[in-house]
Protein backbone atom coordinates (compact mmCIF):
# COMPACT_ATOMS: atom_id res chain seq x y z
CA MET A 1 0.05 -0.06 0.06
CA ALA A 2 1.11 3.58 -0.47
CA ARG A 3 2.94 5.59 2.19
CA PHE A 4 3.10 9.06 2.71
CA CYS A 5 7.14 9.47 2.63
CA SER A 6 7.76 12.98 4.05
CA ASP A 7 8.23 13.31 7.84
CA GLU A 8 5.81 16.23 7.51
CA GLY A 9 3.25 13.95 6.03
CA LYS A 10 3.88 11.39 8.57
CA MET A 11 3.26 14.02 11.18
CA ILE A 12 0.10 15.06 9.91
CA ILE A 13 -1.25 11.62 9.28
CA LYS A 14 -0.40 10.76 13.16
CA LYS A 15 -2.20 13.85 14.37
CA PHE A 16 -5.34 12.63 12.14
CA ILE A 17 -5.34 9.24 13.18
CA LYS A 18 -5.10 10.39 16.91
CA LYS A 19 -8.51 12.40 16.23
CA LEU A 20 -10.07 9.35 14.63
CA SER A 21 -8.86 7.12 17.56
CA PHE A 22 -10.35 9.52 20.30
CA LEU A 23 -13.71 9.27 18.34
CA ASN A 24 -14.07 5.45 18.00
CA PHE A 25 -12.25 4.23 21.20
CA SER A 26 -13.83 4.14 24.89
CA LYS A 27 -12.20 6.30 27.45
CA TYR A 28 -10.12 3.45 29.01
CA GLU A 29 -8.62 2.68 25.48
CA ARG A 30 -8.02 6.45 25.07
CA LYS A 31 -5.64 6.54 28.14
CA ARG A 32 -3.70 3.70 26.93
CA SER A 33 -0.27 4.46 25.01
CA ILE A 34 -0.96 2.77 21.70
CA PRO A 35 1.80 3.25 19.24
CA LEU A 36 0.96 4.63 15.96
CA LEU A 37 2.01 3.23 12.48
CA ASN A 38 2.42 5.19 9.60
CA PRO A 39 -1.27 4.58 8.25
CA SER A 40 -2.13 4.54 4.53
CA LYS A 41 -4.40 6.64 2.89
CA ASP A 42 -6.92 3.50 2.45
CA GLU A 43 -6.87 3.15 6.11
CA ILE A 44 -7.72 6.72 6.82
CA GLU A 45 -10.38 6.61 4.43
CA ARG A 46 -11.70 3.72 5.89
CA LEU A 47 -11.93 5.10 9.43
CA THR A 48 -13.27 8.77 8.16
CA LEU A 49 -16.19 7.10 6.38
CA LYS A 50 -16.92 4.94 9.19
CA GLU A 51 -17.15 7.92 11.64
CA VAL A 52 -18.90 9.92 8.80
CA ASP A 53 -21.53 7.36 8.13
CA SER A 54 -22.20 6.96 11.72
CA LEU A 55 -22.80 10.79 12.12
CA ALA A 56 -24.63 11.01 9.04
CA SER A 57 -27.21 8.51 10.24
CA GLU A 58 -27.76 10.63 13.08
CA LYS A 59 -28.38 13.66 10.72
CA LYS A 60 -25.42 15.29 12.11
CA TYR A 61 -24.13 16.50 8.77
CA LYS A 62 -22.33 19.47 9.63
CA LYS A 63 -20.31 17.60 12.28
CA ALA A 64 -19.68 15.20 9.61
CA LEU A 65 -18.48 17.68 7.11
CA LYS A 66 -15.92 18.93 9.85
CA LEU A 67 -14.77 15.33 9.97
CA ILE A 68 -14.38 15.03 6.15
CA ALA A 69 -12.43 18.52 6.23
CA THR A 70 -9.82 17.41 8.91
CA SER A 71 -9.34 14.40 6.72
CA ILE A 72 -8.88 16.37 3.54
CA ALA A 73 -6.60 18.58 5.43
CA SER A 74 -4.48 15.68 6.43
CA GLY A 75 -3.80 14.64 3.02
CA ALA A 76 -6.53 11.92 2.55
CA LYS A 77 -8.81 13.58 -0.20
CA THR A 78 -9.96 10.38 -2.12
CA ASN A 79 -12.60 10.17 -4.29
CA LYS A 80 -14.74 8.26 -2.13
CA ILE A 81 -14.25 10.81 0.69
CA LEU A 82 -14.89 13.60 -1.87
CA LEU A 83 -18.35 11.71 -3.07
CA LYS A 84 -19.31 11.40 0.88
CA LYS A 85 -18.75 15.15 1.21
CA ALA A 86 -20.87 16.00 -1.76
CA PHE A 87 -23.74 14.10 -0.25
CA LEU A 88 -23.26 15.76 2.93
CA LEU A 89 -23.30 19.25 1.24
CA SER A 90 -26.38 18.23 -0.49
CA GLN A 91 -28.21 17.24 2.90
CA ILE A 92 -27.87 20.65 4.17
CA GLY A 93 -28.97 22.46 1.16
CA GLN A 94 -25.49 23.57 -0.55
CA TYR A 95 -26.27 22.27 -3.68
CA SER A 96 -24.07 24.23 -5.88
CA GLU A 97 -20.84 22.83 -3.96
CA ALA A 98 -22.35 19.35 -4.02
CA HIS A 99 -22.95 19.35 -7.61
CA GLU A 100 -19.64 21.11 -8.47
CA ILE A 101 -17.61 17.98 -6.68
CA TRP A 102 -19.98 15.26 -8.28
CA GLU A 103 -19.56 17.06 -11.69
CA LYS A 104 -15.89 16.70 -11.38
CA LEU A 105 -15.85 13.26 -10.26
CA SER A 106 -18.34 12.24 -13.19
CA ASN A 107 -15.57 13.29 -15.58
CA LEU A 108 -13.00 11.03 -14.26
CA THR A 109 -11.99 8.68 -17.00
CA ASN A 110 -9.77 6.15 -15.17
CA LYS A 111 -12.33 5.53 -12.59
CA PRO A 112 -15.41 4.44 -14.31
CA LYS A 113 -17.34 3.01 -10.93
CA ILE A 114 -16.62 6.48 -9.12
CA ALA A 115 -17.37 8.61 -12.36
CA ALA A 116 -20.94 6.58 -12.72
CA LEU A 117 -21.82 6.66 -9.18
CA ALA A 118 -20.95 10.74 -9.45
CA LYS A 119 -23.29 11.10 -12.36
CA LYS A 120 -26.19 9.20 -11.03
CA SER A 121 -25.86 11.10 -7.54
CA LEU A 122 -25.53 14.57 -9.41
CA GLU A 123 -28.84 13.55 -11.35
CA THR A 124 -30.63 12.53 -8.49
CA SER A 125 -29.71 15.77 -6.47
CA LYS A 126 -30.75 18.03 -9.29
CA HIS A 127 -34.15 16.56 -9.04
CA LEU A 128 -34.15 16.90 -5.18
CA GLN A 129 -33.07 20.35 -5.23
CA THR A 130 -35.82 21.11 -8.02
CA ASN A 131 -38.19 19.70 -5.81
CA HIS A 132 -37.07 21.34 -2.74
CA ILE A 133 -37.21 24.96 -4.18
CA ASN A 134 -40.56 24.09 -5.45
CA SER A 135 -41.68 22.79 -1.97
CA VAL A 136 -40.19 26.15 -0.60
CA LYS A 137 -41.62 28.32 -3.16
CA LEU A 138 -45.26 26.74 -2.24
CA LEU A 139 -44.50 27.13 1.37
CA ILE A 140 -43.82 30.93 0.86
CA ASP A 141 -47.17 31.51 -0.95
CA THR A 142 -49.25 29.39 1.74
CA LEU A 143 -47.41 31.60 4.51
CA HIS A 144 -48.29 34.98 2.76
CA ALA A 145 -51.98 33.57 2.71
CA ILE A 146 -51.86 32.92 6.33
CA ALA A 147 -50.48 36.22 7.05
CA HIS A 148 -53.15 37.78 4.90
CA LYS A 149 -55.75 36.07 6.95
CA TYR A 150 -54.52 37.54 10.24
CA GLN A 151 -54.32 41.19 8.29
CA GLN A 152 -50.43 41.06 8.40
CA LYS A 153 -47.70 41.13 6.22
CA LEU A 154 -44.42 38.99 6.16
CA ASN A 155 -41.67 41.44 5.22
CA HIS A 156 -38.61 39.34 6.08
CA LEU A 157 -39.84 36.35 3.29
CA PRO A 158 -39.37 36.91 -0.42
CA THR A 159 -42.75 38.62 -1.41
CA SER A 160 -43.68 35.82 -3.93
CA LYS A 161 -42.63 32.55 -4.63
CA ASP A 162 -40.95 33.82 -8.13
CA GLU A 163 -38.47 35.89 -5.98
CA TYR A 164 -37.00 32.70 -4.01
CA SER A 165 -33.72 31.23 -5.53
CA GLY A 166 -33.00 28.33 -3.10
CA GLU A 167 -31.64 30.36 0.06
CA ASN A 168 -32.11 29.00 3.42
CA ILE A 169 -35.45 30.81 4.54
CA ILE A 170 -35.70 29.06 7.99
CA PRO A 171 -34.08 32.33 9.88
CA ALA A 172 -36.30 34.67 8.04
CA ILE A 173 -39.53 32.32 9.09
CA ARG A 174 -38.47 32.26 12.51
CA ARG A 175 -38.27 36.19 12.36
CA GLU A 176 -42.03 36.26 11.13
CA ALA A 177 -42.88 33.78 13.99
CA GLU A 178 -41.23 35.96 16.55
CA ILE A 179 -42.55 39.47 15.10
CA ALA A 180 -46.29 37.53 15.22
CA ARG A 181 -45.78 36.94 19.18
CA ALA A 182 -44.57 40.25 19.73
CA TYR A 183 -47.63 41.52 18.11
CA GLU A 184 -49.35 39.20 20.58
CA LEU A 185 -50.81 36.99 17.94
CA PRO A 186 -49.61 33.78 19.22
CA LYS A 187 -51.87 31.84 16.64
CA LEU A 188 -50.19 33.40 13.59
CA SER A 189 -46.86 32.47 15.00
CA SER A 190 -48.17 28.74 15.50
CA ASP A 191 -49.52 28.89 12.08
CA ILE A 192 -46.36 29.84 10.44
CA ILE A 193 -44.14 27.14 12.20
CA GLU A 194 -46.68 24.58 11.82
CA GLN A 195 -46.87 24.94 8.19
CA THR A 196 -43.11 25.45 7.76
CA LEU A 197 -42.72 21.77 9.59
CA GLN A 198 -45.29 20.25 7.68
CA ALA A 199 -43.35 21.56 4.54
CA GLY A 200 -40.38 19.30 5.81
CA LEU A 201 -38.18 22.46 6.68
CA GLU A 202 -36.13 21.01 9.79
CA SER A 203 -34.43 22.94 12.61
CA PRO A 204 -34.15 22.31 16.58
CA LEU A 205 -34.97 26.07 16.68
CA LEU A 206 -38.24 25.93 14.84
CA ILE A 207 -39.26 23.21 17.80
CA ASN A 208 -37.79 25.98 20.18
CA ASP A 209 -40.20 28.59 18.58
CA LYS A 210 -42.99 26.26 18.59
CA ALA A 211 -42.87 25.64 22.18
CA LEU A 212 -42.54 29.25 22.71
CA THR A 213 -45.76 29.90 20.91
CA MET A 214 -47.63 26.79 22.66
CA SER A 215 -46.91 28.64 25.87
CA MET A 216 -48.74 31.59 24.90
CA LEU A 217 -51.47 29.67 23.84
CA GLY A 218 -52.05 28.06 27.18
CA GLN A 219 -50.19 24.88 26.51
CA HIS A 220 -47.43 25.60 29.17
CA LYS A 221 -46.73 22.08 30.28
CA LYS A 222 -46.20 20.57 26.99
CA ALA A 223 -44.27 23.34 25.98
CA LEU A 224 -41.90 22.62 28.85
CA GLU A 225 -41.90 18.82 28.06
CA ILE A 226 -41.03 19.81 24.37
CA LEU A 227 -38.12 22.08 25.48
CA THR A 228 -36.64 19.68 27.82
CA SER A 229 -36.74 16.77 25.64
CA LEU A 230 -35.04 18.97 23.02
CA GLU A 231 -32.52 20.35 25.18
CA GLN A 232 -31.31 16.80 26.20
CA GLU A 233 -31.04 15.74 22.45
CA ILE A 234 -29.20 18.63 21.07
CA LYS A 235 -25.26 18.89 21.17
CA ASN A 236 -24.61 22.17 19.79
CA PRO A 237 -23.84 24.35 22.72
CA SER A 238 -25.12 27.75 20.94
CA ILE A 239 -28.68 26.05 20.16
CA LYS A 240 -28.42 24.23 23.82
CA ASN A 241 -28.35 27.57 25.50
CA THR A 242 -31.02 29.10 23.47
CA ILE A 243 -33.12 26.34 24.46
CA LYS A 244 -32.29 26.84 28.18
CA GLU A 245 -32.82 30.22 28.01
CA SER A 246 -36.50 29.52 26.69
CA ILE A 247 -37.10 27.09 29.36
CA THR A 248 -36.28 29.68 31.93
CA ASN A 249 -38.46 32.41 30.14
CA LEU A 250 -41.39 29.81 30.03
CA GLU A 251 -41.15 29.11 33.54
CA LYS A 252 -41.69 32.81 34.20
CA SER A 253 -44.03 33.78 32.03
CA ALA A 254 -46.62 31.22 32.59
CA SER A 255 -49.06 32.96 34.68
CA HIS A 256 -48.39 35.99 32.53
CA HIS A 257 -49.73 34.70 29.37
CA GLN A 258 -52.55 32.92 31.23
CA THR A 259 -53.76 36.26 32.43
CA LYS A 260 -53.30 37.65 28.75
CA ARG A 261 -55.32 34.91 27.03
CA SER A 262 -58.50 37.23 26.64
CA ILE A 263 -56.25 39.94 25.19
CA TYR A 264 -55.00 37.66 22.58
CA LEU A 265 -58.22 36.18 21.83
CA ILE A 266 -59.72 39.81 21.22
CA LYS A 267 -56.93 40.79 18.88
CA GLN A 268 -57.02 37.45 17.05
CA SER A 269 -60.92 37.45 16.49
CA LYS A 270 -60.89 40.98 15.44
CA VAL A 271 -58.34 40.65 12.65
CA LEU A 272 -60.04 37.45 11.60
CA ALA A 273 -63.44 39.13 11.42
CA ILE A 274 -62.10 41.88 9.42
CA SER A 275 -60.27 39.58 7.11
CA SER A 276 -63.52 37.47 6.78
CA GLU A 277 -65.47 40.58 6.09
CA ILE A 278 -67.99 40.26 8.76
CA GLU A 279 -69.36 42.80 11.56
CA ALA A 280 -67.21 42.75 14.78
CA ASN A 281 -68.20 46.07 16.25
CA CYS A 282 -69.27 44.16 19.48
CA ILE A 283 -65.56 42.85 19.97
CA PRO A 284 -64.12 45.08 22.41
CA ASP A 285 -60.95 46.51 21.39
CA GLU A 286 -59.29 45.89 24.71
CA PHE A 287 -59.99 43.68 27.59
CA ASN A 288 -60.94 46.74 29.97
CA ALA A 289 -63.65 46.11 32.34
CA ASN A 290 -64.79 42.95 30.38
CA SER A 291 -64.52 39.68 32.35
CA GLU A 292 -62.93 36.76 30.62
CA LEU A 293 -66.37 35.24 30.15
CA GLU A 294 -67.87 38.33 28.82
CA VAL A 295 -65.00 38.69 26.20
CA LYS A 296 -65.69 35.12 25.09
CA SER A 297 -69.62 35.39 24.98
CA LEU A 298 -69.23 38.45 22.84
CA ILE A 299 -67.08 36.51 20.21
CA PHE A 300 -69.27 33.90 20.46
CA GLY A 301 -72.19 35.86 19.36
CA VAL A 302 -70.18 37.06 16.46
CA ALA A 303 -69.49 33.69 15.30
CA ILE A 304 -73.03 32.23 15.74
CA ASN A 305 -74.29 35.37 13.71
CA CYS A 306 -72.70 34.73 10.91
CA ILE A 307 -73.12 30.56 10.86
CA LYS A 308 -75.67 30.67 7.90
CA THR A 309 -74.35 33.56 5.72
CA ASN A 310 -70.77 32.92 6.10
CA PRO A 311 -69.87 29.56 7.67
CA LYS A 312 -66.29 29.76 6.93
CA ALA A 313 -66.08 33.02 9.16
CA CYS A 314 -68.05 31.52 11.68
CA LEU A 315 -65.27 28.57 12.01
CA ARG A 316 -62.56 31.02 11.92
CA ILE A 317 -63.84 32.96 14.81
CA VAL A 318 -65.12 30.08 16.82
CA ASN A 319 -61.74 28.02 16.31
CA SER A 320 -60.10 31.67 17.88
CA ILE A 321 -62.10 30.67 21.27
CA LEU A 322 -60.88 27.16 21.18
CA ASP A 323 -57.48 28.25 20.60
CA TYR A 324 -57.43 29.41 24.20
CA PHE A 325 -60.38 27.70 25.75
CA PRO A 326 -60.03 24.23 23.84
CA ASP A 327 -62.58 22.68 26.47
CA ASP A 328 -65.53 25.25 25.83
CA GLY A 329 -68.42 22.78 25.15
CA ALA A 330 -70.57 25.56 23.33
CA SER A 331 -67.77 26.45 21.19
CA MET A 332 -67.15 23.14 20.15
CA GLN A 333 -70.86 22.34 19.44
CA LEU A 334 -70.69 25.72 17.10
CA LYS A 335 -67.85 24.30 15.48
CA GLY A 336 -69.46 21.27 14.31
CA GLU A 337 -72.46 23.39 13.08
CA ALA A 338 -70.08 25.45 10.84
CA LEU A 339 -68.09 22.32 9.55
CA ALA A 340 -71.60 20.97 8.61
CA GLU A 341 -72.44 24.18 7.01
CA LEU A 342 -69.34 23.82 4.89
CA LYS A 343 -70.40 20.22 4.20
CA ARG A 344 -67.37 18.69 6.25
CA ASP A 345 -69.79 15.98 7.66
CA LYS A 346 -67.02 14.01 8.86
CA GLU A 347 -65.16 16.73 10.65
CA ALA A 348 -68.38 17.84 12.16
CA ILE A 349 -69.58 14.07 13.56
CA ASN A 350 -65.91 13.76 15.07
CA ILE A 351 -66.54 17.02 16.99
CA TRP A 352 -69.77 16.23 18.22
CA ALA A 353 -68.96 12.64 19.05
CA LYS A 354 -66.71 13.99 21.67
CA LEU A 355 -69.05 16.17 23.06
CA ALA A 356 -71.53 13.16 23.03
CA ASN A 357 -69.54 11.66 26.08
CA SER A 358 -69.46 14.99 27.96
CA GLU A 359 -70.39 14.83 31.68
CA HIS A 360 -72.69 17.86 30.97
CA GLU A 361 -76.01 16.02 30.06
CA GLU A 362 -77.22 18.92 27.97
CA THR A 363 -74.12 19.24 26.05
CA ALA A 364 -74.10 15.69 25.18
CA ASP A 365 -77.72 15.64 24.30
CA LYS A 366 -77.39 18.37 21.98
CA ALA A 367 -74.37 16.71 20.21
CA ARG A 368 -76.18 13.41 19.71
CA GLN A 369 -79.11 15.08 18.29
CA SER A 370 -76.46 16.92 15.77
CA ILE A 371 -75.25 13.80 14.64
CA SER A 372 -78.64 11.83 14.35
CA GLN A 373 -79.80 15.04 12.22
CA LEU A 374 -76.86 14.87 10.00
CA LEU A 375 -77.12 11.30 9.54
CA ALA A 376 -80.68 11.34 8.88
CA GLN A 377 -80.20 13.94 6.19
CA LYS A 378 -77.44 11.65 4.53
CA ALA A 379 -79.91 8.51 4.72
CA LEU A 380 -82.47 10.48 2.79
CA LEU A 381 -80.11 11.17 0.07
CA ILE A 382 -79.18 7.54 0.14
CA SER A 383 -82.98 6.50 -0.28
CA ALA A 384 -83.30 8.45 -3.41
CA GLU A 385 -80.88 6.27 -5.28
CA LYS A 386 -80.80 3.08 -3.10
CA SER A 387 -83.64 0.73 -1.38
CA PRO A 388 -85.08 2.42 2.16
CA GLN A 389 -83.69 -0.95 3.67
CA GLU A 390 -80.11 0.15 2.77
CA ALA A 391 -80.63 3.84 3.76
CA LEU A 392 -81.82 2.71 7.29
CA SER A 393 -78.83 0.36 7.56
CA ILE A 394 -76.29 3.11 6.87
CA PHE A 395 -78.15 5.45 9.46
CA ILE A 396 -77.88 2.77 12.06
CA ASP A 397 -74.19 1.75 11.45
CA GLU A 398 -72.92 5.15 11.43
CA HIS A 399 -74.39 5.56 14.91
CA LEU A 400 -72.81 2.43 15.76
CA LYS A 401 -69.35 3.36 14.10
CA ILE A 402 -68.81 6.18 17.00
CA ASN A 403 -70.48 3.89 19.77
CA LEU A 404 -73.86 5.81 19.81
CA VAL A 405 -77.29 4.41 20.45
CA PRO A 406 -79.44 4.66 17.21
CA THR A 407 -81.97 7.21 17.72
CA PHE A 408 -85.47 8.01 15.91
CA ASN A 409 -85.33 10.99 14.10
CA GLU A 410 -88.40 12.68 12.27
CA LEU A 411 -86.21 12.99 8.99
CA ILE A 412 -86.18 9.26 8.71
CA THR A 413 -90.11 9.16 8.63
CA PRO A 414 -90.44 8.80 4.73
CA ILE A 415 -87.91 6.09 4.68
CA LEU A 416 -89.69 4.18 7.17
CA ASN A 417 -93.01 4.50 5.50
CA GLN A 418 -91.34 3.43 2.26
CA THR A 419 -90.64 0.10 4.20
CA GLU A 420 -94.19 -0.32 5.32
CA PRO A 421 -96.05 0.86 2.28
CA ASP A 422 -99.24 -0.90 3.28
CA ASN A 423 -99.58 0.36 6.88
CA GLU A 424 -102.62 2.29 7.49
CA THR A 425 -102.22 5.85 8.20
CA LEU A 426 -103.22 7.09 11.92
CA PHE A 427 -104.76 10.40 12.07
CA ASP A 428 -103.45 10.75 15.72
CA PRO A 429 -100.19 12.32 15.25
CA GLU A 430 -99.21 11.09 18.91
CA LEU A 431 -99.99 7.55 17.99
CA GLU A 432 -98.16 7.75 14.81
CA GLN A 433 -94.97 9.21 16.27
CA HIS A 434 -95.30 6.20 18.47
CA GLN A 435 -95.64 3.71 16.01
CA LEU A 436 -92.76 5.01 13.94
CA GLN A 437 -90.37 4.83 17.09
CA LEU A 438 -91.57 1.14 17.49
CA GLN A 439 -90.93 0.28 13.94
CA PHE A 440 -87.29 2.15 14.08
CA ASN A 441 -86.75 0.08 17.36
CA THR A 442 -87.47 -3.14 15.90
CA ILE A 443 -85.10 -2.43 13.06
CA VAL A 444 -82.42 -1.59 15.16
CA ILE A 445 -82.96 -4.78 17.07
CA GLN A 446 -82.78 -7.05 13.72
CA ARG A 447 -79.51 -4.96 12.73
CA LEU A 448 -77.82 -5.70 16.05
CA GLU A 449 -79.07 -9.33 16.28
CA ALA A 450 -77.40 -9.70 12.46
CA GLN A 451 -74.26 -8.15 13.42
CA LEU A 452 -73.98 -10.52 16.45
CA ILE A 453 -74.45 -13.69 14.23
CA ASN A 454 -71.95 -12.14 11.81
CA GLN A 455 -69.42 -11.70 14.61
CA SER A 456 -69.99 -15.18 15.87
CA ASN A 457 -70.04 -16.90 12.20
CA SER A 458 -67.51 -14.95 10.24
CA LYS A 459 -67.27 -17.84 7.83
CA ASN A 460 -70.58 -17.48 6.47
CA ARG A 461 -72.50 -14.35 4.84
CA SER A 462 -74.19 -12.72 7.40
CA PRO A 463 -77.66 -10.68 7.71
CA ALA A 464 -75.77 -7.60 8.55
CA GLN A 465 -73.86 -7.88 5.11
CA ASN A 466 -77.22 -7.86 3.39
CA PRO A 467 -79.41 -5.01 3.05
CA ALA A 468 -82.49 -7.21 2.97
CA ALA A 469 -81.54 -8.24 6.50
CA ILE A 470 -83.97 -5.40 7.61
CA SER A 471 -87.69 -7.14 7.59
CA LYS A 472 -90.17 -5.28 5.74
CA THR A 473 -92.50 -6.36 8.69
CA ALA A 474 -90.29 -4.59 11.15
CA SER A 475 -93.28 -3.04 12.53
CA LYS A 476 -95.41 -6.02 13.23
CA ALA A 477 -92.58 -7.81 14.71
CA GLY A 478 -92.34 -4.71 17.08
């Protein structure tokens, strides 16, 4: 194997191997006096790449690059090490430098395998770069749209996606989130950060900022848990100190944010009402003499007043209340109603299903009625295209899916009448209602019995799988 000949070269390599030895051996082994032989380039390359791969697997790309730089400075500037350097540069977004290295390596005529690998890596990286840039451009437009909703401008970001050329925008995004918090719009800060994280941009400092925002939104305990966990994971001294400062600030400011949540709610609701083009005169400009309950009630009134004319605005306003009072039952109920108006039925049912288990019986009962009403409307639409038996089966099954007892709803009366066309019409409304209730109860019992049979004998086709399982003489059986 080739050796370095000069004494100076030997000294450099010995120093480098000593560094590698420090990284690869235990404390006990480091203390032992190990005589160093003159290492070959191959050995330096092997040790370097082994440690670099270990760091890269933990996404410690910058630390791995420092090790590569040490290796190259020590004279081990091999093609494999350069390939790895290009990869690491691409992982931290330094595409130009990475592509330059791959470009040179792809032109090596005497190293066809290295050249082929470099060429393939270059092509893949260019695709990744394009996708990354397009993703960030989309993010920029999305963030501006979010800010517009809050009547704000993001002056530190490119004004449009066309102005973005591939630079790291995380510092600018962090600055915009910080400004939003300073303006006492923590939900805007939260939306900016969450959207950025969902777009795939990663940074421990973004997580730090997310925790600061969560604390302002009243999620103090969870915010501290995130920061404490993050502080233990991070090794970078500067970032670690930033996180420690955030933990200290959070511990001091918990009660402060709690007392200011009505102010945050007022500001947020006001700007969202303006951007939604609805009247918001009854929302106070400041907290002043209004109690927390009064503020919440006034804003709730704004939301409920526009549910029919502007359900999207209603949803925005009621979500603002829930940002600071997440357990407010009336607001959750109204949110479900707004979602239903927007034809987002599944989301509405999910909201109401949570309320249906509320300890507050009035809240739970209203949620159950809302679910039944929505499912009855759906059953009516189905009955127009399918048999009444199928429509009723779906109506019942949808209740059971969310662990609710199916209840009779007046909207399904026409469907029930279709299943019993020969029934005599009762002129007493109370008796007719009683008969419909009996008919529905019988159908529910049949459906449950069919499901029980199906569960006990899964090999055979069960009545639960057959819409015809609902008897046409259900009311007589009742």
